Structure formats: C-alpha cells, structure tokens
Amino acid sequence: MENLISWFEIPATDFNRAVSFYKAILGLEIKQTEMFGTKMGFFPTDGTNVSGAIVQGDDYLPSTDGVVAYLNGGSDLAIVLNKVENNNGRVIVPKTQISPEMGYFGMFIDTEGNKMAIHSIN
C-alpha cells in the first residue's frame, strides 16, 4: 500500500472565501467545478500524490472536532502558517517540533471553522 489516505475533503460554508483562503496560504491554483449539487475546489495533483478538495454542499459541515488533515508544509511550514492570520484564519498551535526525525507541525482554524494541521521536516 503506497498511501493510507487517498483523498480528503475540507467542508466550506462560504465556498469562495475558503478557496481564496487556501489559494493565499498555499500559493496554489484551485480548479473549481460543481458535481452532483456540490461545489468543489480541487487541489492540484500530478496523479501520484494524495490530493483533495474544498467542498460546499448539504452534507458538509465545517468542524474543529473529529479527523484532522495534515497539509504538506513544503520545506518549512512557517512560510504557510505565517499567512494564516493575514487571511482571516487563526493559528492555534505555532510551529512545534515533534522530534528531530519527524520534523514539525502547526495547527490552525481556517475561515470556515475547520481545524487543520500542517507538517514539514524543517
């Protein structure tokens, strides 16, 4: 098994606000579409890595409870985490070392009220 996780979805109540937030903090283009009455904003993928989408639909509710997705912070997660509050999110755990081997993590609440995390080796 290559990856235990194959897909993730981040719920949104204000789809455009959520797309703007993630584009700003991650520096990514997000392809937007609608499928089966659900708005979806797809994170880029080359087909070999895990990816996901921002979603807005009847069955999607942002939350700080439950599963937490860890986004890839690249070479240094501080670059991304430092953009969170300037884009109306809230940092709840600053860059913190897990261990020298496992790297660092941080956590934030996005504009929709989801608790998210970010990880990097440095």
PDB file of N, CA and C in Angstrom:
ATOM      1  N   MET A   1       0.846  -1.173   0.000  1.00  0.00           N
ATOM      2  CA  MET A   1       0.000   0.000   0.000  1.00  0.00           C
ATOM      3  C   MET A   1       0.893   1.238   0.000  1.00  0.00           C
ATOM      4  N   GLU A   2       0.677   2.137  -0.962  1.00  0.00           N
ATOM      5  CA  GLU A   2       1.502   3.339  -1.070  1.00  0.00           C
ATOM      6  C   GLU A   2       1.115   4.401  -0.056  1.00  0.00           C
ATOM      7  N   ASN A   3      -0.160   4.745   0.018  1.00  0.00           N
ATOM      8  CA  ASN A   3      -0.654   5.747   0.955  1.00  0.00           C
ATOM      9  C   ASN A   3      -1.908   5.217   1.621  1.00  0.00           C
ATOM     10  N   LEU A   4      -2.015   5.410   2.913  1.00  0.00           N
ATOM     11  CA  LEU A   4      -3.222   5.011   3.619  1.00  0.00           C
ATOM     12  C   LEU A   4      -4.389   5.918   3.238  1.00  0.00           C
ATOM     13  N   ILE A   5      -4.113   7.192   3.033  1.00  0.00           N
ATOM     14  CA  ILE A   5      -5.134   8.162   2.640  1.00  0.00           C
ATOM     15  C   ILE A   5      -5.063   8.345   1.125  1.00  0.00           C
ATOM     16  N   SER A   6      -6.227   8.375   0.468  1.00  0.00           N
ATOM     17  CA  SER A   6      -6.236   8.592  -0.977  1.00  0.00           C
ATOM     18  C   SER A   6      -6.931   9.889  -1.377  1.00  0.00           C
ATOM     19  N   TRP A   7      -7.743  10.476  -0.481  1.00  0.00           N
ATOM     20  CA  TRP A   7      -8.499  11.678  -0.819  1.00  0.00           C
ATOM     21  C   TRP A   7      -8.969  12.337   0.466  1.00  0.00           C
ATOM     22  N   PHE A   8      -9.073  13.660   0.481  1.00  0.00           N
ATOM     23  CA  PHE A   8      -9.659  14.372   1.618  1.00  0.00           C
ATOM     24  C   PHE A   8     -10.541  15.497   1.102  1.00  0.00           C
ATOM     25  N   GLU A   9     -11.505  15.888   1.918  1.00  0.00           N
ATOM     26  CA  GLU A   9     -12.397  16.990   1.578  1.00  0.00           C
ATOM     27  C   GLU A   9     -12.492  17.940   2.766  1.00  0.00           C
ATOM     28  N   ILE A  10     -12.380  19.235   2.484  1.00  0.00           N
ATOM     29  CA  ILE A  10     -12.453  20.274   3.506  1.00  0.00           C
ATOM     30  C   ILE A  10     -13.795  20.984   3.343  1.00  0.00           C
ATOM     31  N   PRO A  11     -14.711  20.839   4.319  1.00  0.00           N
ATOM     32  CA  PRO A  11     -16.027  21.465   4.210  1.00  0.00           C
ATOM     33  C   PRO A  11     -15.962  22.991   4.257  1.00  0.00           C
ATOM     34  N   ALA A  12     -16.861  23.633   3.515  1.00  0.00           N
ATOM     35  CA  ALA A  12     -16.936  25.094   3.494  1.00  0.00           C
ATOM     36  C   ALA A  12     -18.390  25.539   3.575  1.00  0.00           C
ATOM     37  N   THR A  13     -18.620  26.635   4.294  1.00  0.00           N
ATOM     38  CA  THR A  13     -19.944  27.265   4.287  1.00  0.00           C
ATOM     39  C   THR A  13     -19.966  28.414   3.286  1.00  0.00           C
ATOM     40  N   ASP A  14     -18.825  29.047   3.082  1.00  0.00           N
ATOM     41  CA  ASP A  14     -18.670  30.099   2.071  1.00  0.00           C
ATOM     42  C   ASP A  14     -17.563  29.629   1.128  1.00  0.00           C
ATOM     43  N   PHE A  15     -17.969  29.005   0.037  1.00  0.00           N
ATOM     44  CA  PHE A  15     -17.036  28.360  -0.880  1.00  0.00           C
ATOM     45  C   PHE A  15     -15.970  29.318  -1.398  1.00  0.00           C
ATOM     46  N   ASN A  16     -16.373  30.484  -1.877  1.00  0.00           N
ATOM     47  CA  ASN A  16     -15.407  31.429  -2.444  1.00  0.00           C
ATOM     48  C   ASN A  16     -14.406  31.911  -1.406  1.00  0.00           C
ATOM     49  N   ARG A  17     -14.871  32.145  -0.184  1.00  0.00           N
ATOM     50  CA  ARG A  17     -13.971  32.563   0.896  1.00  0.00           C
ATOM     51  C   ARG A  17     -12.948  31.467   1.186  1.00  0.00           C
ATOM     52  N   ALA A  18     -13.402  30.218   1.251  1.00  0.00           N
ATOM     53  CA  ALA A  18     -12.500  29.101   1.531  1.00  0.00           C
ATOM     54  C   ALA A  18     -11.472  28.922   0.419  1.00  0.00           C
ATOM     55  N   VAL A  19     -11.911  29.002  -0.826  1.00  0.00           N
ATOM     56  CA  VAL A  19     -10.983  28.884  -1.957  1.00  0.00           C
ATOM     57  C   VAL A  19      -9.945  29.997  -1.891  1.00  0.00           C
ATOM     58  N   SER A  20     -10.374  31.209  -1.634  1.00  0.00           N
ATOM     59  CA  SER A  20      -9.434  32.340  -1.536  1.00  0.00           C
ATOM     60  C   SER A  20      -8.428  32.128  -0.418  1.00  0.00           C
ATOM     61  N   PHE A  21      -8.883  31.625   0.723  1.00  0.00           N
ATOM     62  CA  PHE A  21      -8.005  31.371   1.868  1.00  0.00           C
ATOM     63  C   PHE A  21      -6.912  30.362   1.510  1.00  0.00           C
ATOM     64  N   TYR A  22      -7.302  29.209   0.989  1.00  0.00           N
ATOM     65  CA  TYR A  22      -6.313  28.169   0.691  1.00  0.00           C
ATOM     66  C   TYR A  22      -5.394  28.559  -0.465  1.00  0.00           C
ATOM     67  N   LYS A  23      -5.910  29.280  -1.443  1.00  0.00           N
ATOM     68  CA  LYS A  23      -5.043  29.783  -2.514  1.00  0.00           C
ATOM     69  C   LYS A  23      -3.985  30.722  -1.936  1.00  0.00           C
ATOM     70  N   ALA A  24      -4.397  31.581  -1.017  1.00  0.00           N
ATOM     71  CA  ALA A  24      -3.479  32.570  -0.443  1.00  0.00           C
ATOM     72  C   ALA A  24      -2.421  31.934   0.446  1.00  0.00           C
ATOM     73  N   ILE A  25      -2.805  30.995   1.297  1.00  0.00           N
ATOM     74  CA  ILE A  25      -1.807  30.444   2.226  1.00  0.00           C
ATOM     75  C   ILE A  25      -0.910  29.402   1.573  1.00  0.00           C
ATOM     76  N   LEU A  26      -1.443  28.662   0.603  1.00  0.00           N
ATOM     77  CA  LEU A  26      -0.657  27.597  -0.030  1.00  0.00           C
ATOM     78  C   LEU A  26      -0.006  28.017  -1.340  1.00  0.00           C
ATOM     79  N   GLY A  27      -0.462  29.120  -1.918  1.00  0.00           N
ATOM     80  CA  GLY A  27       0.101  29.570  -3.192  1.00  0.00           C
ATOM     81  C   GLY A  27      -0.212  28.625  -4.335  1.00  0.00           C
ATOM     82  N   LEU A  28      -1.413  28.049  -4.318  1.00  0.00           N
ATOM     83  CA  LEU A  28      -1.815  27.064  -5.325  1.00  0.00           C
ATOM     84  C   LEU A  28      -2.990  27.569  -6.143  1.00  0.00           C
ATOM     85  N   GLU A  29      -3.115  27.065  -7.345  1.00  0.00           N
ATOM     86  CA  GLU A  29      -4.337  27.268  -8.109  1.00  0.00           C
ATOM     87  C   GLU A  29      -5.311  26.171  -7.690  1.00  0.00           C
ATOM     88  N   ILE A  30      -6.569  26.508  -7.581  1.00  0.00           N
ATOM     89  CA  ILE A  30      -7.596  25.552  -7.189  1.00  0.00           C
ATOM     90  C   ILE A  30      -8.659  25.528  -8.285  1.00  0.00           C
ATOM     91  N   LYS A  31      -8.790  24.386  -8.938  1.00  0.00           N
ATOM     92  CA  LYS A  31      -9.759  24.232 -10.033  1.00  0.00           C
ATOM     93  C   LYS A  31     -11.154  24.046  -9.439  1.00  0.00           C
ATOM     94  N   GLN A  32     -12.084  24.890  -9.871  1.00  0.00           N
ATOM     95  CA  GLN A  32     -13.432  24.872  -9.312  1.00  0.00           C
ATOM     96  C   GLN A  32     -14.435  24.263 -10.280  1.00  0.00           C
ATOM     97  N   THR A  33     -15.354  23.471  -9.717  1.00  0.00           N
ATOM     98  CA  THR A  33     -16.424  22.867 -10.501  1.00  0.00           C
ATOM     99  C   THR A  33     -17.597  22.564  -9.585  1.00  0.00           C
ATOM    100  N   GLU A  34     -18.655  22.042 -10.152  1.00  0.00           N
ATOM    101  CA  GLU A  34     -19.792  21.575  -9.362  1.00  0.00           C
ATOM    102  C   GLU A  34     -20.145  20.174  -9.829  1.00  0.00           C
ATOM    103  N   MET A  35     -20.327  19.276  -8.863  1.00  0.00           N
ATOM    104  CA  MET A  35     -20.672  17.886  -9.166  1.00  0.00           C
ATOM    105  C   MET A  35     -21.794  17.445  -8.242  1.00  0.00           C
ATOM    106  N   PHE A  36     -22.870  16.945  -8.809  1.00  0.00           N
ATOM    107  CA  PHE A  36     -23.978  16.402  -8.023  1.00  0.00           C
ATOM    108  C   PHE A  36     -24.504  17.403  -6.995  1.00  0.00           C
ATOM    109  N   GLY A  37     -24.555  18.681  -7.360  1.00  0.00           N
ATOM    110  CA  GLY A  37     -25.060  19.715  -6.465  1.00  0.00           C
ATOM    111  C   GLY A  37     -24.082  20.169  -5.401  1.00  0.00           C
ATOM    112  N   THR A  38     -22.832  19.744  -5.497  1.00  0.00           N
ATOM    113  CA  THR A  38     -21.795  20.115  -4.532  1.00  0.00           C
ATOM    114  C   THR A  38     -20.724  20.934  -5.233  1.00  0.00           C
ATOM    115  N   LYS A  39     -20.412  22.101  -4.676  1.00  0.00           N
ATOM    116  CA  LYS A  39     -19.302  22.900  -5.204  1.00  0.00           C
ATOM    117  C   LYS A  39     -18.010  22.251  -4.748  1.00  0.00           C
ATOM    118  N   MET A  40     -17.040  22.169  -5.663  1.00  0.00           N
ATOM    119  CA  MET A  40     -15.761  21.537  -5.348  1.00  0.00           C
ATOM    120  C   MET A  40     -14.616  22.373  -5.890  1.00  0.00           C
ATOM    121  N   GLY A  41     -13.595  22.536  -5.071  1.00  0.00           N
ATOM    122  CA  GLY A  41     -12.369  23.208  -5.475  1.00  0.00           C
ATOM    123  C   GLY A  41     -11.224  22.232  -5.301  1.00  0.00           C
ATOM    124  N   PHE A  42     -10.681  21.743  -6.402  1.00  0.00           N
ATOM    125  CA  PHE A  42      -9.677  20.680  -6.371  1.00  0.00           C
ATOM    126  C   PHE A  42      -8.266  21.230  -6.184  1.00  0.00           C
ATOM    127  N   PHE A  43      -7.547  20.659  -5.207  1.00  0.00           N
ATOM    128  CA  PHE A  43      -6.135  20.967  -5.047  1.00  0.00           C
ATOM    129  C   PHE A  43      -5.379  20.272  -6.177  1.00  0.00           C
ATOM    130  N   PRO A  44      -4.295  20.877  -6.669  1.00  0.00           N
ATOM    131  CA  PRO A  44      -3.573  20.268  -7.790  1.00  0.00           C
ATOM    132  C   PRO A  44      -2.918  18.941  -7.402  1.00  0.00           C
ATOM    133  N   THR A  45      -2.809  18.071  -8.388  1.00  0.00           N
ATOM    134  CA  THR A  45      -2.134  16.794  -8.196  1.00  0.00           C
ATOM    135  C   THR A  45      -1.501  16.375  -9.513  1.00  0.00           C
ATOM    136  N   ASP A  46      -0.435  15.618  -9.414  1.00  0.00           N
ATOM    137  CA  ASP A  46       0.178  15.071 -10.622  1.00  0.00           C
ATOM    138  C   ASP A  46      -0.275  13.627 -10.848  1.00  0.00           C
ATOM    139  N   GLY A  47      -1.215  13.181 -10.035  1.00  0.00           N
ATOM    140  CA  GLY A  47      -1.734  11.829 -10.162  1.00  0.00           C
ATOM    141  C   GLY A  47      -0.975  10.797  -9.361  1.00  0.00           C
ATOM    142  N   THR A  48       0.148  11.183  -8.767  1.00  0.00           N
ATOM    143  CA  THR A  48       0.930  10.229  -7.981  1.00  0.00           C
ATOM    144  C   THR A  48       0.870  10.528  -6.488  1.00  0.00           C
ATOM    145  N   ASN A  49       0.246  11.654  -6.118  1.00  0.00           N
ATOM    146  CA  ASN A  49       0.197  12.014  -4.707  1.00  0.00           C
ATOM    147  C   ASN A  49      -1.247  12.116  -4.223  1.00  0.00           C
ATOM    148  N   VAL A  50      -1.422  12.127  -2.918  1.00  0.00           N
ATOM    149  CA  VAL A  50      -2.740  12.296  -2.315  1.00  0.00           C
ATOM    150  C   VAL A  50      -3.189  13.729  -2.539  1.00  0.00           C
ATOM    151  N   SER A  51      -4.446  13.906  -2.845  1.00  0.00           N
ATOM    152  CA  SER A  51      -4.985  15.247  -3.007  1.00  0.00           C
ATOM    153  C   SER A  51      -6.378  15.301  -2.418  1.00  0.00           C
ATOM    154  N   GLY A  52      -7.031  16.441  -2.596  1.00  0.00           N
ATOM    155  CA  GLY A  52      -8.358  16.612  -2.037  1.00  0.00           C
ATOM    156  C   GLY A  52      -9.018  17.844  -2.599  1.00  0.00           C
ATOM    157  N   ALA A  53     -10.085  18.259  -1.917  1.00  0.00           N
ATOM    158  CA  ALA A  53     -10.866  19.382  -2.416  1.00  0.00           C
ATOM    159  C   ALA A  53     -11.528  20.144  -1.280  1.00  0.00           C
ATOM    160  N   ILE A  54     -11.812  21.395  -1.542  1.00  0.00           N
ATOM    161  CA  ILE A  54     -12.699  22.193  -0.712  1.00  0.00           C
ATOM    162  C   ILE A  54     -14.095  21.894  -1.233  1.00  0.00           C
ATOM    163  N   VAL A  55     -15.047  21.619  -0.339  1.00  0.00           N
ATOM    164  CA  VAL A  55     -16.387  21.244  -0.779  1.00  0.00           C
ATOM    165  C   VAL A  55     -17.460  22.029  -0.034  1.00  0.00           C
ATOM    166  N   GLN A  56     -18.506  22.391  -0.763  1.00  0.00           N
ATOM    167  CA  GLN A  56     -19.678  23.011  -0.145  1.00  0.00           C
ATOM    168  C   GLN A  56     -20.914  22.309  -0.671  1.00  0.00           C
ATOM    169  N   GLY A  57     -21.662  21.714   0.237  1.00  0.00           N
ATOM    170  CA  GLY A  57     -22.884  21.011  -0.116  1.00  0.00           C
ATOM    171  C   GLY A  57     -23.675  20.702   1.136  1.00  0.00           C
ATOM    172  N   ASP A  58     -24.862  20.167   0.958  1.00  0.00           N
ATOM    173  CA  ASP A  58     -25.761  19.905   2.081  1.00  0.00           C
ATOM    174  C   ASP A  58     -25.171  18.993   3.149  1.00  0.00           C
ATOM    175  N   ASP A  59     -24.351  18.050   2.776  1.00  0.00           N
ATOM    176  CA  ASP A  59     -23.827  17.067   3.728  1.00  0.00           C
ATOM    177  C   ASP A  59     -22.461  17.429   4.306  1.00  0.00           C
ATOM    178  N   TYR A  60     -21.997  18.645   4.086  1.00  0.00           N
ATOM    179  CA  TYR A  60     -20.665  19.042   4.541  1.00  0.00           C
ATOM    180  C   TYR A  60     -20.772  20.131   5.597  1.00  0.00           C
ATOM    181  N   LEU A  61     -20.186  19.873   6.775  1.00  0.00           N
ATOM    182  CA  LEU A  61     -20.255  20.803   7.892  1.00  0.00           C
ATOM    183  C   LEU A  61     -18.853  21.037   8.459  1.00  0.00           C
ATOM    184  N   PRO A  62     -18.337  22.259   8.377  1.00  0.00           N
ATOM    185  CA  PRO A  62     -17.030  22.551   8.969  1.00  0.00           C
ATOM    186  C   PRO A  62     -17.033  22.254  10.470  1.00  0.00           C
ATOM    187  N   SER A  63     -15.878  21.836  11.002  1.00  0.00           N
ATOM    188  CA  SER A  63     -15.816  21.462  12.410  1.00  0.00           C
ATOM    189  C   SER A  63     -14.389  21.515  12.941  1.00  0.00           C
ATOM    190  N   THR A  64     -14.290  21.716  14.240  1.00  0.00           N
ATOM    191  CA  THR A  64     -12.998  21.581  14.916  1.00  0.00           C
ATOM    192  C   THR A  64     -12.915  20.227  15.613  1.00  0.00           C
ATOM    193  N   ASP A  65     -13.955  19.424  15.494  1.00  0.00           N
ATOM    194  CA  ASP A  65     -13.996  18.091  16.100  1.00  0.00           C
ATOM    195  C   ASP A  65     -13.712  17.038  15.035  1.00  0.00           C
ATOM    196  N   GLY A  66     -13.194  15.907  15.454  1.00  0.00           N
ATOM    197  CA  GLY A  66     -13.014  14.796  14.526  1.00  0.00           C
ATOM    198  C   GLY A  66     -11.638  14.750  13.886  1.00  0.00           C
ATOM    199  N   VAL A  67     -11.585  14.187  12.701  1.00  0.00           N
ATOM    200  CA  VAL A  67     -10.337  13.951  11.973  1.00  0.00           C
ATOM    201  C   VAL A  67      -9.659  15.274  11.631  1.00  0.00           C
ATOM    202  N   VAL A  68      -8.339  15.298  11.722  1.00  0.00           N
ATOM    203  CA  VAL A  68      -7.549  16.477  11.339  1.00  0.00           C
ATOM    204  C   VAL A  68      -6.653  16.087  10.171  1.00  0.00           C
ATOM    205  N   ALA A  69      -6.755  16.816   9.078  1.00  0.00           N
ATOM    206  CA  ALA A  69      -5.883  16.590   7.924  1.00  0.00           C
ATOM    207  C   ALA A  69      -4.613  17.413   8.100  1.00  0.00           C
ATOM    208  N   TYR A  70      -3.463  16.806   7.825  1.00  0.00           N
ATOM    209  CA  TYR A  70      -2.168  17.494   7.869  1.00  0.00           C
ATOM    210  C   TYR A  70      -1.751  17.813   6.440  1.00  0.00           C
ATOM    211  N   LEU A  71      -1.674  19.091   6.121  1.00  0.00           N
ATOM    212  CA  LEU A  71      -1.234  19.528   4.806  1.00  0.00           C
ATOM    213  C   LEU A  71       0.285  19.539   4.750  1.00  0.00           C
ATOM    214  N   ASN A  72       0.829  19.393   3.562  1.00  0.00           N
ATOM    215  CA  ASN A  72       2.275  19.408   3.363  1.00  0.00           C
ATOM    216  C   ASN A  72       2.774  20.844   3.429  1.00  0.00           C
ATOM    217  N   GLY A  73       3.636  21.127   4.387  1.00  0.00           N
ATOM    218  CA  GLY A  73       4.176  22.474   4.567  1.00  0.00           C
ATOM    219  C   GLY A  73       5.416  22.759   3.751  1.00  0.00           C
ATOM    220  N   GLY A  74       5.764  21.880   2.820  1.00  0.00           N
ATOM    221  CA  GLY A  74       6.940  22.116   1.987  1.00  0.00           C
ATOM    222  C   GLY A  74       8.221  22.070   2.795  1.00  0.00           C
ATOM    223  N   SER A  75       9.172  22.915   2.437  1.00  0.00           N
ATOM    224  CA  SER A  75      10.472  22.895   3.107  1.00  0.00           C
ATOM    225  C   SER A  75      10.410  23.473   4.516  1.00  0.00           C
ATOM    226  N   ASP A  76       9.446  24.370   4.791  1.00  0.00           N
ATOM    227  CA  ASP A  76       9.302  24.969   6.123  1.00  0.00           C
ATOM    228  C   ASP A  76       7.867  25.434   6.300  1.00  0.00           C
ATOM    229  N   LEU A  77       7.128  24.754   7.151  1.00  0.00           N
ATOM    230  CA  LEU A  77       5.712  25.066   7.346  1.00  0.00           C
ATOM    231  C   LEU A  77       5.463  26.486   7.832  1.00  0.00           C
ATOM    232  N   ALA A  78       6.469  27.135   8.424  1.00  0.00           N
ATOM    233  CA  ALA A  78       6.299  28.507   8.916  1.00  0.00           C
ATOM    234  C   ALA A  78       5.906  29.462   7.790  1.00  0.00           C
ATOM    235  N   ILE A  79       6.361  29.189   6.579  1.00  0.00           N
ATOM    236  CA  ILE A  79       6.028  30.040   5.430  1.00  0.00           C
ATOM    237  C   ILE A  79       4.513  30.060   5.223  1.00  0.00           C
ATOM    238  N   VAL A  80       3.878  28.902   5.320  1.00  0.00           N
ATOM    239  CA  VAL A  80       2.426  28.802   5.161  1.00  0.00           C
ATOM    240  C   VAL A  80       1.714  29.306   6.414  1.00  0.00           C
ATOM    241  N   LEU A  81       2.145  28.842   7.581  1.00  0.00           N
ATOM    242  CA  LEU A  81       1.480  29.197   8.832  1.00  0.00           C
ATOM    243  C   LEU A  81       1.481  30.705   9.065  1.00  0.00           C
ATOM    244  N   ASN A  82       2.533  31.382   8.633  1.00  0.00           N
ATOM    245  CA  ASN A  82       2.609  32.837   8.799  1.00  0.00           C
ATOM    246  C   ASN A  82       1.578  33.584   7.955  1.00  0.00           C
ATOM    247  N   LYS A  83       0.980  32.929   6.973  1.00  0.00           N
ATOM    248  CA  LYS A  83      -0.033  33.564   6.118  1.00  0.00           C
ATOM    249  C   LYS A  83      -1.456  33.360   6.636  1.00  0.00           C
ATOM    250  N   VAL A  84      -1.640  32.472   7.598  1.00  0.00           N
ATOM    251  CA  VAL A  84      -2.978  32.100   8.061  1.00  0.00           C
ATOM    252  C   VAL A  84      -3.746  33.290   8.624  1.00  0.00           C
ATOM    253  N   GLU A  85      -3.176  33.990   9.588  1.00  0.00           N
ATOM    254  CA  GLU A  85      -3.913  35.066  10.253  1.00  0.00           C
ATOM    255  C   GLU A  85      -4.127  36.271   9.346  1.00  0.00           C
ATOM    256  N   ASN A  86      -3.207  36.544   8.434  1.00  0.00           N
ATOM    257  CA  ASN A  86      -3.397  37.641   7.480  1.00  0.00           C
ATOM    258  C   ASN A  86      -4.520  37.357   6.490  1.00  0.00           C
ATOM    259  N   ASN A  87      -4.963  36.104   6.442  1.00  0.00           N
ATOM    260  CA  ASN A  87      -6.039  35.706   5.528  1.00  0.00           C
ATOM    261  C   ASN A  87      -7.282  35.230   6.290  1.00  0.00           C
ATOM    262  N   ASN A  88      -7.442  35.754   7.501  1.00  0.00           N
ATOM    263  CA  ASN A  88      -8.642  35.546   8.327  1.00  0.00           C
ATOM    264  C   ASN A  88      -8.791  34.163   8.936  1.00  0.00           C
ATOM    265  N   GLY A  89      -7.701  33.408   9.024  1.00  0.00           N
ATOM    266  CA  GLY A  89      -7.690  32.171   9.787  1.00  0.00           C
ATOM    267  C   GLY A  89      -7.103  32.463  11.159  1.00  0.00           C
ATOM    268  N   ARG A  90      -6.943  31.417  11.978  1.00  0.00           N
ATOM    269  CA  ARG A  90      -6.394  31.599  13.322  1.00  0.00           C
ATOM    270  C   ARG A  90      -5.421  30.465  13.641  1.00  0.00           C
ATOM    271  N   VAL A  91      -4.188  30.801  13.975  1.00  0.00           N
ATOM    272  CA  VAL A  91      -3.194  29.802  14.373  1.00  0.00           C
ATOM    273  C   VAL A  91      -3.510  29.375  15.802  1.00  0.00           C
ATOM    274  N   ILE A  92      -3.631  28.063  16.027  1.00  0.00           N
ATOM    275  CA  ILE A  92      -3.904  27.573  17.377  1.00  0.00           C
ATOM    276  C   ILE A  92      -2.721  26.813  17.969  1.00  0.00           C
ATOM    277  N   VAL A  93      -1.824  26.314  17.129  1.00  0.00           N
ATOM    278  CA  VAL A  93      -0.561  25.721  17.585  1.00  0.00           C
ATOM    279  C   VAL A  93       0.523  26.260  16.669  1.00  0.00           C
ATOM    280  N   PRO A  94       1.457  27.051  17.210  1.00  0.00           N
ATOM    281  CA  PRO A  94       2.540  27.560  16.366  1.00  0.00           C
ATOM    282  C   PRO A  94       3.462  26.419  15.937  1.00  0.00           C
ATOM    283  N   LYS A  95       4.387  26.713  15.056  1.00  0.00           N
ATOM    284  CA  LYS A  95       5.356  25.704  14.609  1.00  0.00           C
ATOM    285  C   LYS A  95       6.003  25.067  15.834  1.00  0.00           C
ATOM    286  N   THR A  96       5.865  23.740  15.930  1.00  0.00           N
ATOM    287  CA  THR A  96       6.321  22.990  17.097  1.00  0.00           C
ATOM    288  C   THR A  96       7.058  21.743  16.627  1.00  0.00           C
ATOM    289  N   GLN A  97       8.213  21.472  17.224  1.00  0.00           N
ATOM    290  CA  GLN A  97       8.959  20.273  16.833  1.00  0.00           C
ATOM    291  C   GLN A  97       8.314  19.029  17.427  1.00  0.00           C
ATOM    292  N   ILE A  98       8.119  18.030  16.585  1.00  0.00           N
ATOM    293  CA  ILE A  98       7.648  16.720  17.029  1.00  0.00           C
ATOM    294  C   ILE A  98       8.859  15.947  17.548  1.00  0.00           C
ATOM    295  N   SER A  99       9.875  15.810  16.700  1.00  0.00           N
ATOM    296  CA  SER A  99      11.165  15.202  17.035  1.00  0.00           C
ATOM    297  C   SER A  99      12.111  15.543  15.892  1.00  0.00           C
ATOM    298  N   PRO A 100      13.433  15.380  16.107  1.00  0.00           N
ATOM    299  CA  PRO A 100      14.356  15.674  15.002  1.00  0.00           C
ATOM    300  C   PRO A 100      14.081  14.823  13.754  1.00  0.00           C
ATOM    301  N   GLU A 101      13.632  13.603  13.946  1.00  0.00           N
ATOM    302  CA  GLU A 101      13.376  12.707  12.815  1.00  0.00           C
ATOM    303  C   GLU A 101      12.037  12.988  12.134  1.00  0.00           C
ATOM    304  N   MET A 102      11.037  13.382  12.914  1.00  0.00           N
ATOM    305  CA  MET A 102       9.682  13.560  12.370  1.00  0.00           C
ATOM    306  C   MET A 102       9.374  14.989  11.953  1.00  0.00           C
ATOM    307  N   GLY A 103      10.207  15.938  12.344  1.00  0.00           N
ATOM    308  CA  GLY A 103      10.013  17.307  11.898  1.00  0.00           C
ATOM    309  C   GLY A 103       9.100  18.129  12.779  1.00  0.00           C
ATOM    310  N   TYR A 104       8.297  18.979  12.134  1.00  0.00           N
ATOM    311  CA  TYR A 104       7.497  19.988  12.829  1.00  0.00           C
ATOM    312  C   TYR A 104       6.045  19.938  12.385  1.00  0.00           C
ATOM    313  N   PHE A 105       5.172  20.489  13.248  1.00  0.00           N
ATOM    314  CA  PHE A 105       3.772  20.651  12.878  1.00  0.00           C
ATOM    315  C   PHE A 105       3.253  21.959  13.443  1.00  0.00           C
ATOM    316  N   GLY A 106       2.140  22.398  12.929  1.00  0.00           N
ATOM    317  CA  GLY A 106       1.399  23.539  13.446  1.00  0.00           C
ATOM    318  C   GLY A 106      -0.066  23.283  13.155  1.00  0.00           C
ATOM    319  N   MET A 107      -0.948  24.012  13.848  1.00  0.00           N
ATOM    320  CA  MET A 107      -2.383  23.834  13.620  1.00  0.00           C
ATOM    321  C   MET A 107      -3.062  25.187  13.491  1.00  0.00           C
ATOM    322  N   PHE A 108      -4.153  25.205  12.724  1.00  0.00           N
ATOM    323  CA  PHE A 108      -4.902  26.444  12.543  1.00  0.00           C
ATOM    324  C   PHE A 108      -6.380  26.147  12.334  1.00  0.00           C
ATOM    325  N   ILE A 109      -7.182  27.181  12.538  1.00  0.00           N
ATOM    326  CA  ILE A 109      -8.600  27.141  12.197  1.00  0.00           C
ATOM    327  C   ILE A 109      -8.742  27.948  10.917  1.00  0.00           C
ATOM    328  N   ASP A 110      -9.323  27.349   9.889  1.00  0.00           N
ATOM    329  CA  ASP A 110      -9.472  28.065   8.619  1.00  0.00           C
ATOM    330  C   ASP A 110     -10.665  29.026   8.674  1.00  0.00           C
ATOM    331  N   THR A 111     -10.938  29.700   7.596  1.00  0.00           N
ATOM    332  CA  THR A 111     -12.024  30.687   7.554  1.00  0.00           C
ATOM    333  C   THR A 111     -13.396  30.058   7.739  1.00  0.00           C
ATOM    334  N   GLU A 112     -13.491  28.751   7.561  1.00  0.00           N
ATOM    335  CA  GLU A 112     -14.780  28.063   7.663  1.00  0.00           C
ATOM    336  C   GLU A 112     -15.023  27.450   9.029  1.00  0.00           C
ATOM    337  N   GLY A 113     -13.997  27.433   9.881  1.00  0.00           N
ATOM    338  CA  GLY A 113     -14.125  26.829  11.201  1.00  0.00           C
ATOM    339  C   GLY A 113     -13.602  25.412  11.291  1.00  0.00           C
ATOM    340  N   ASN A 114     -12.834  24.966  10.286  1.00  0.00           N
ATOM    341  CA  ASN A 114     -12.211  23.641  10.314  1.00  0.00           C
ATOM    342  C   ASN A 114     -10.874  23.711  11.029  1.00  0.00           C
ATOM    343  N   LYS A 115     -10.600  22.711  11.879  1.00  0.00           N
ATOM    344  CA  LYS A 115      -9.268  22.583  12.472  1.00  0.00           C
ATOM    345  C   LYS A 115      -8.404  21.808  11.490  1.00  0.00           C
ATOM    346  N   MET A 116      -7.299  22.421  11.084  1.00  0.00           N
ATOM    347  CA  MET A 116      -6.386  21.824  10.120  1.00  0.00           C
ATOM    348  C   MET A 116      -4.982  21.840  10.708  1.00  0.00           C
ATOM    349  N   ALA A 117      -4.102  21.030  10.152  1.00  0.00           N
ATOM    350  CA  ALA A 117      -2.712  20.995  10.594  1.00  0.00           C
ATOM    351  C   ALA A 117      -1.800  21.045   9.376  1.00  0.00           C
ATOM    352  N   ILE A 118      -0.549  21.321   9.656  1.00  0.00           N
ATOM    353  CA  ILE A 118       0.455  21.409   8.598  1.00  0.00           C
ATOM    354  C   ILE A 118       1.740  20.787   9.122  1.00  0.00           C
ATOM    355  N   HIS A 119       2.504  20.142   8.247  1.00  0.00           N
ATOM    356  CA  HIS A 119       3.715  19.420   8.647  1.00  0.00           C
ATOM    357  C   HIS A 119       4.858  19.725   7.687  1.00  0.00           C
ATOM    358  N   SER A 120       6.061  19.787   8.233  1.00  0.00           N
ATOM    359  CA  SER A 120       7.275  19.849   7.408  1.00  0.00           C
ATOM    360  C   SER A 120       8.424  19.223   8.184  1.00  0.00           C
ATOM    361  N   ILE A 121       9.431  18.773   7.464  1.00  0.00           N
ATOM    362  CA  ILE A 121      10.608  18.195   8.115  1.00  0.00           C
ATOM    363  C   ILE A 121      11.445  19.286   8.772  1.00  0.00           C
ATOM    364  N   ASN A 122      11.525  20.462   8.155  1.00  0.00           N
ATOM    365  CA  ASN A 122      12.316  21.571   8.712  1.00  0.00           C
ATOM    366  C   ASN A 122      11.429  22.583   9.411  1.00  0.00           C
TER     367      ASN A 122
END
